[in-house]
Amino acid sequence: PPAADGGPFPLVIVSHGYPGSRTFLTYLTENLASKGYVVAAIDHTDSVFGAIREFPSTLLNRSKDQWFTIDQIGRLAREPGHFLKGIADASRAAIV
């Protein structure tokens, strides 16, 4: 369970390579979380193994995926009763 003491914590979006998967950098995501970051590893549906589109699709959509994730986590962190409430701070976000 997330630690509420000391929160809200900065957000780190882990965005995999081309092609890739959100699970490839688990060692990194777990390490970042253990250091006090809220970490979201996301799949980019046009550049995951088994569903690869042409590279220009990645160039077009990757930043949209990242911004969507930041926006949605920020929204959920303000929602009463949500487990991210008071935990995630999307105004302090980084992308790896």
N, C-alpha and C. Protein backbone atom coordinates (compact mmCIF):
# COMPACT_ATOMS: atom_id res chain seq x y z
N PRO A 1 0.83 -1.21 0.00
CA PRO A 1 0.00 0.00 0.00
C PRO A 1 0.87 1.26 0.00
N PRO A 2 0.39 2.32 -0.63
CA PRO A 2 1.17 3.56 -0.67
C PRO A 2 1.32 4.17 0.72
N ALA A 3 2.47 4.76 0.97
CA ALA A 3 2.71 5.45 2.22
C ALA A 3 2.16 6.86 2.12
N ALA A 4 1.30 7.23 3.04
CA ALA A 4 0.70 8.57 3.01
C ALA A 4 1.57 9.59 3.73
N ASP A 5 2.46 9.12 4.60
CA ASP A 5 3.31 10.04 5.36
C ASP A 5 4.29 10.74 4.41
N GLY A 6 4.32 12.06 4.49
CA GLY A 6 5.26 12.83 3.67
C GLY A 6 4.74 13.17 2.30
N GLY A 7 3.55 12.69 1.94
CA GLY A 7 3.01 12.95 0.60
C GLY A 7 2.42 14.34 0.51
N PRO A 8 2.05 14.76 -0.64
CA PRO A 8 2.07 14.00 -1.88
C PRO A 8 3.48 13.89 -2.48
N PHE A 9 3.69 12.83 -3.23
CA PHE A 9 4.99 12.51 -3.79
C PHE A 9 5.04 12.83 -5.28
N PRO A 10 6.23 13.17 -5.79
CA PRO A 10 6.37 13.47 -7.22
C PRO A 10 6.03 12.25 -8.08
N LEU A 11 5.59 12.52 -9.28
CA LEU A 11 5.18 11.49 -10.23
C LEU A 11 6.28 11.26 -11.26
N VAL A 12 6.56 10.00 -11.55
CA VAL A 12 7.48 9.64 -12.62
C VAL A 12 6.74 8.74 -13.59
N ILE A 13 6.70 9.15 -14.86
CA ILE A 13 6.11 8.34 -15.92
C ILE A 13 7.26 7.60 -16.60
N VAL A 14 7.17 6.27 -16.65
CA VAL A 14 8.18 5.47 -17.34
C VAL A 14 7.59 5.07 -18.69
N SER A 15 8.25 5.54 -19.73
CA SER A 15 7.77 5.42 -21.10
C SER A 15 8.77 4.53 -21.86
N HIS A 16 8.34 3.34 -22.22
CA HIS A 16 9.25 2.35 -22.82
C HIS A 16 9.74 2.75 -24.21
N GLY A 17 10.74 2.03 -24.68
CA GLY A 17 11.32 2.29 -26.00
C GLY A 17 10.47 1.73 -27.13
N TYR A 18 11.01 1.82 -28.34
CA TYR A 18 10.32 1.37 -29.55
C TYR A 18 11.03 0.16 -30.12
N PRO A 19 10.40 -0.99 -30.18
CA PRO A 19 9.20 -1.36 -29.44
C PRO A 19 9.57 -1.72 -28.01
N GLY A 20 8.56 -1.93 -27.20
CA GLY A 20 8.83 -2.25 -25.80
C GLY A 20 7.58 -2.66 -25.07
N SER A 21 7.66 -2.54 -23.75
CA SER A 21 6.56 -2.92 -22.87
C SER A 21 6.74 -2.23 -21.53
N ARG A 22 5.66 -1.97 -20.86
CA ARG A 22 5.72 -1.32 -19.55
C ARG A 22 6.44 -2.17 -18.52
N THR A 23 6.58 -3.47 -18.80
CA THR A 23 7.22 -4.36 -17.82
C THR A 23 8.73 -4.44 -17.96
N PHE A 24 9.30 -3.92 -19.03
CA PHE A 24 10.74 -4.05 -19.26
C PHE A 24 11.60 -3.35 -18.22
N LEU A 25 11.12 -2.27 -17.67
CA LEU A 25 11.93 -1.49 -16.73
C LEU A 25 11.43 -1.65 -15.29
N THR A 26 10.90 -2.82 -14.97
CA THR A 26 10.36 -3.06 -13.63
C THR A 26 11.41 -2.82 -12.56
N TYR A 27 12.64 -3.22 -12.81
CA TYR A 27 13.71 -2.99 -11.83
C TYR A 27 13.83 -1.49 -11.51
N LEU A 28 13.68 -0.65 -12.53
CA LEU A 28 13.78 0.80 -12.35
C LEU A 28 12.54 1.36 -11.66
N THR A 29 11.36 0.93 -12.09
CA THR A 29 10.13 1.47 -11.51
C THR A 29 10.02 1.12 -10.03
N GLU A 30 10.38 -0.11 -9.67
CA GLU A 30 10.33 -0.50 -8.26
C GLU A 30 11.34 0.28 -7.44
N ASN A 31 12.52 0.51 -8.00
CA ASN A 31 13.55 1.27 -7.30
C ASN A 31 13.10 2.71 -7.08
N LEU A 32 12.54 3.33 -8.12
CA LEU A 32 12.05 4.71 -7.98
C LEU A 32 10.95 4.80 -6.94
N ALA A 33 10.04 3.84 -6.96
CA ALA A 33 8.94 3.84 -5.98
C ALA A 33 9.50 3.70 -4.56
N SER A 34 10.54 2.89 -4.40
CA SER A 34 11.13 2.71 -3.07
C SER A 34 11.82 3.97 -2.57
N LYS A 35 12.10 4.90 -3.48
CA LYS A 35 12.76 6.17 -3.12
C LYS A 35 11.75 7.28 -2.86
N GLY A 36 10.45 6.98 -2.97
CA GLY A 36 9.44 7.98 -2.64
C GLY A 36 8.75 8.63 -3.81
N TYR A 37 8.83 8.04 -4.99
CA TYR A 37 8.13 8.56 -6.16
C TYR A 37 6.89 7.72 -6.43
N VAL A 38 5.86 8.35 -6.95
CA VAL A 38 4.73 7.62 -7.51
C VAL A 38 5.12 7.33 -8.95
N VAL A 39 5.10 6.06 -9.34
CA VAL A 39 5.60 5.66 -10.65
C VAL A 39 4.48 5.02 -11.45
N ALA A 40 4.34 5.47 -12.70
CA ALA A 40 3.39 4.87 -13.63
C ALA A 40 4.16 4.43 -14.87
N ALA A 41 4.23 3.13 -15.09
CA ALA A 41 4.85 2.59 -16.30
C ALA A 41 3.71 2.33 -17.29
N ILE A 42 3.82 2.94 -18.46
CA ILE A 42 2.72 2.87 -19.42
C ILE A 42 3.14 2.14 -20.69
N ASP A 43 2.16 1.52 -21.33
CA ASP A 43 2.37 0.95 -22.66
C ASP A 43 1.94 1.97 -23.70
N HIS A 44 2.70 2.05 -24.76
CA HIS A 44 2.30 2.86 -25.92
C HIS A 44 1.76 1.87 -26.94
N THR A 45 0.45 1.93 -27.17
CA THR A 45 -0.22 0.87 -27.93
C THR A 45 0.24 0.76 -29.36
N ASP A 46 0.94 1.76 -29.88
CA ASP A 46 1.42 1.65 -31.26
C ASP A 46 2.87 1.20 -31.33
N SER A 47 3.46 0.90 -30.18
CA SER A 47 4.86 0.46 -30.20
C SER A 47 5.16 -0.59 -29.14
N VAL A 48 4.21 -1.49 -28.88
CA VAL A 48 4.46 -2.62 -28.00
C VAL A 48 4.71 -3.86 -28.86
N PHE A 49 5.45 -4.79 -28.32
CA PHE A 49 5.70 -6.02 -29.06
C PHE A 49 4.37 -6.67 -29.44
N GLY A 50 4.25 -7.07 -30.67
CA GLY A 50 3.03 -7.70 -31.17
C GLY A 50 2.04 -6.72 -31.77
N ALA A 51 2.28 -5.43 -31.60
CA ALA A 51 1.35 -4.42 -32.14
C ALA A 51 2.13 -3.18 -32.57
N ILE A 52 3.14 -3.38 -33.37
CA ILE A 52 4.01 -2.27 -33.77
C ILE A 52 3.47 -1.61 -35.03
N ARG A 53 3.30 -0.30 -34.95
CA ARG A 53 2.95 0.50 -36.13
C ARG A 53 4.21 1.19 -36.64
N GLU A 54 4.07 1.87 -37.75
CA GLU A 54 5.20 2.60 -38.30
C GLU A 54 5.71 3.63 -37.28
N PHE A 55 7.01 3.91 -37.32
CA PHE A 55 7.64 4.80 -36.35
C PHE A 55 6.99 6.18 -36.27
N PRO A 56 6.54 6.79 -37.39
CA PRO A 56 5.89 8.10 -37.27
C PRO A 56 4.69 8.10 -36.32
N SER A 57 4.01 6.97 -36.19
CA SER A 57 2.89 6.89 -35.25
C SER A 57 3.38 7.08 -33.82
N THR A 58 4.52 6.50 -33.52
CA THR A 58 5.11 6.69 -32.19
C THR A 58 5.47 8.15 -31.97
N LEU A 59 6.05 8.77 -32.96
CA LEU A 59 6.41 10.19 -32.82
C LEU A 59 5.18 11.05 -32.58
N LEU A 60 4.10 10.72 -33.22
CA LEU A 60 2.86 11.49 -33.08
C LEU A 60 2.17 11.24 -31.74
N ASN A 61 2.14 9.99 -31.28
CA ASN A 61 1.29 9.63 -30.15
C ASN A 61 1.98 9.51 -28.80
N ARG A 62 3.28 9.32 -28.78
CA ARG A 62 3.97 9.08 -27.51
C ARG A 62 3.76 10.22 -26.51
N SER A 63 3.97 11.45 -26.93
CA SER A 63 3.81 12.56 -25.98
C SER A 63 2.35 12.71 -25.55
N LYS A 64 1.42 12.39 -26.44
CA LYS A 64 0.00 12.42 -26.07
C LYS A 64 -0.29 11.41 -24.97
N ASP A 65 0.28 10.20 -25.09
CA ASP A 65 0.12 9.17 -24.05
C ASP A 65 0.68 9.66 -22.72
N GLN A 66 1.85 10.27 -22.76
CA GLN A 66 2.50 10.73 -21.54
C GLN A 66 1.69 11.85 -20.87
N TRP A 67 1.26 12.83 -21.65
CA TRP A 67 0.47 13.93 -21.08
C TRP A 67 -0.88 13.42 -20.56
N PHE A 68 -1.49 12.50 -21.27
CA PHE A 68 -2.77 11.92 -20.82
C PHE A 68 -2.58 11.27 -19.45
N THR A 69 -1.49 10.51 -19.30
CA THR A 69 -1.24 9.83 -18.03
C THR A 69 -1.02 10.83 -16.91
N ILE A 70 -0.23 11.85 -17.15
CA ILE A 70 -0.01 12.88 -16.13
C ILE A 70 -1.33 13.55 -15.75
N ASP A 71 -2.12 13.91 -16.74
CA ASP A 71 -3.41 14.56 -16.47
C ASP A 71 -4.35 13.66 -15.67
N GLN A 72 -4.43 12.40 -16.06
CA GLN A 72 -5.36 11.49 -15.38
C GLN A 72 -4.92 11.18 -13.96
N ILE A 73 -3.63 11.00 -13.74
CA ILE A 73 -3.16 10.76 -12.38
C ILE A 73 -3.38 12.00 -11.52
N GLY A 74 -3.17 13.17 -12.10
CA GLY A 74 -3.47 14.41 -11.37
C GLY A 74 -4.94 14.50 -11.00
N ARG A 75 -5.82 14.13 -11.93
CA ARG A 75 -7.26 14.15 -11.66
C ARG A 75 -7.62 13.15 -10.57
N LEU A 76 -7.09 11.93 -10.67
CA LEU A 76 -7.41 10.91 -9.66
C LEU A 76 -6.86 11.28 -8.29
N ALA A 77 -5.73 11.98 -8.25
CA ALA A 77 -5.14 12.37 -6.97
C ALA A 77 -5.95 13.45 -6.26
N ARG A 78 -6.88 14.07 -6.96
CA ARG A 78 -7.78 15.06 -6.35
C ARG A 78 -9.16 14.48 -6.04
N GLU A 79 -9.40 13.26 -6.44
CA GLU A 79 -10.72 12.65 -6.30
C GLU A 79 -10.90 12.06 -4.91
N PRO A 80 -11.93 12.52 -4.19
CA PRO A 80 -12.16 11.99 -2.83
C PRO A 80 -12.31 10.46 -2.86
N GLY A 81 -11.64 9.82 -1.94
CA GLY A 81 -11.75 8.38 -1.80
C GLY A 81 -10.83 7.57 -2.72
N HIS A 82 -10.19 8.21 -3.68
CA HIS A 82 -9.29 7.46 -4.56
C HIS A 82 -7.98 7.18 -3.83
N PHE A 83 -7.37 6.01 -4.09
CA PHE A 83 -6.15 5.66 -3.36
C PHE A 83 -4.98 6.60 -3.65
N LEU A 84 -5.03 7.36 -4.73
CA LEU A 84 -3.97 8.32 -5.03
C LEU A 84 -4.18 9.68 -4.36
N LYS A 85 -5.35 9.89 -3.76
CA LYS A 85 -5.66 11.16 -3.10
C LYS A 85 -4.61 11.44 -2.02
N GLY A 86 -3.91 12.57 -2.17
CA GLY A 86 -2.90 12.96 -1.20
C GLY A 86 -1.58 12.22 -1.36
N ILE A 87 -1.50 11.32 -2.36
CA ILE A 87 -0.30 10.53 -2.57
C ILE A 87 0.51 11.05 -3.76
N ALA A 88 -0.15 11.25 -4.90
CA ALA A 88 0.54 11.64 -6.15
C ALA A 88 0.44 13.14 -6.37
N ASP A 89 1.56 13.72 -6.77
CA ASP A 89 1.61 15.14 -7.11
C ASP A 89 2.01 15.26 -8.58
N ALA A 90 1.00 15.37 -9.46
CA ALA A 90 1.25 15.43 -10.91
C ALA A 90 1.81 16.78 -11.33
N SER A 91 1.81 17.76 -10.45
CA SER A 91 2.42 19.05 -10.81
C SER A 91 3.95 18.97 -10.74
N ARG A 92 4.45 17.92 -10.11
CA ARG A 92 5.89 17.63 -10.07
C ARG A 92 6.09 16.28 -10.76
N ALA A 93 6.21 16.31 -12.06
CA ALA A 93 6.28 15.08 -12.84
C ALA A 93 7.53 15.04 -13.70
N ALA A 94 8.03 13.82 -13.89
CA ALA A 94 9.17 13.58 -14.77
C ALA A 94 8.82 12.42 -15.69
N ILE A 95 9.46 12.38 -16.85
CA ILE A 95 9.27 11.28 -17.80
C ILE A 95 10.61 10.62 -18.04
N VAL A 96 10.63 9.31 -17.89
CA VAL A 96 11.84 8.52 -18.14
C VAL A 96 11.57 7.69 -19.38
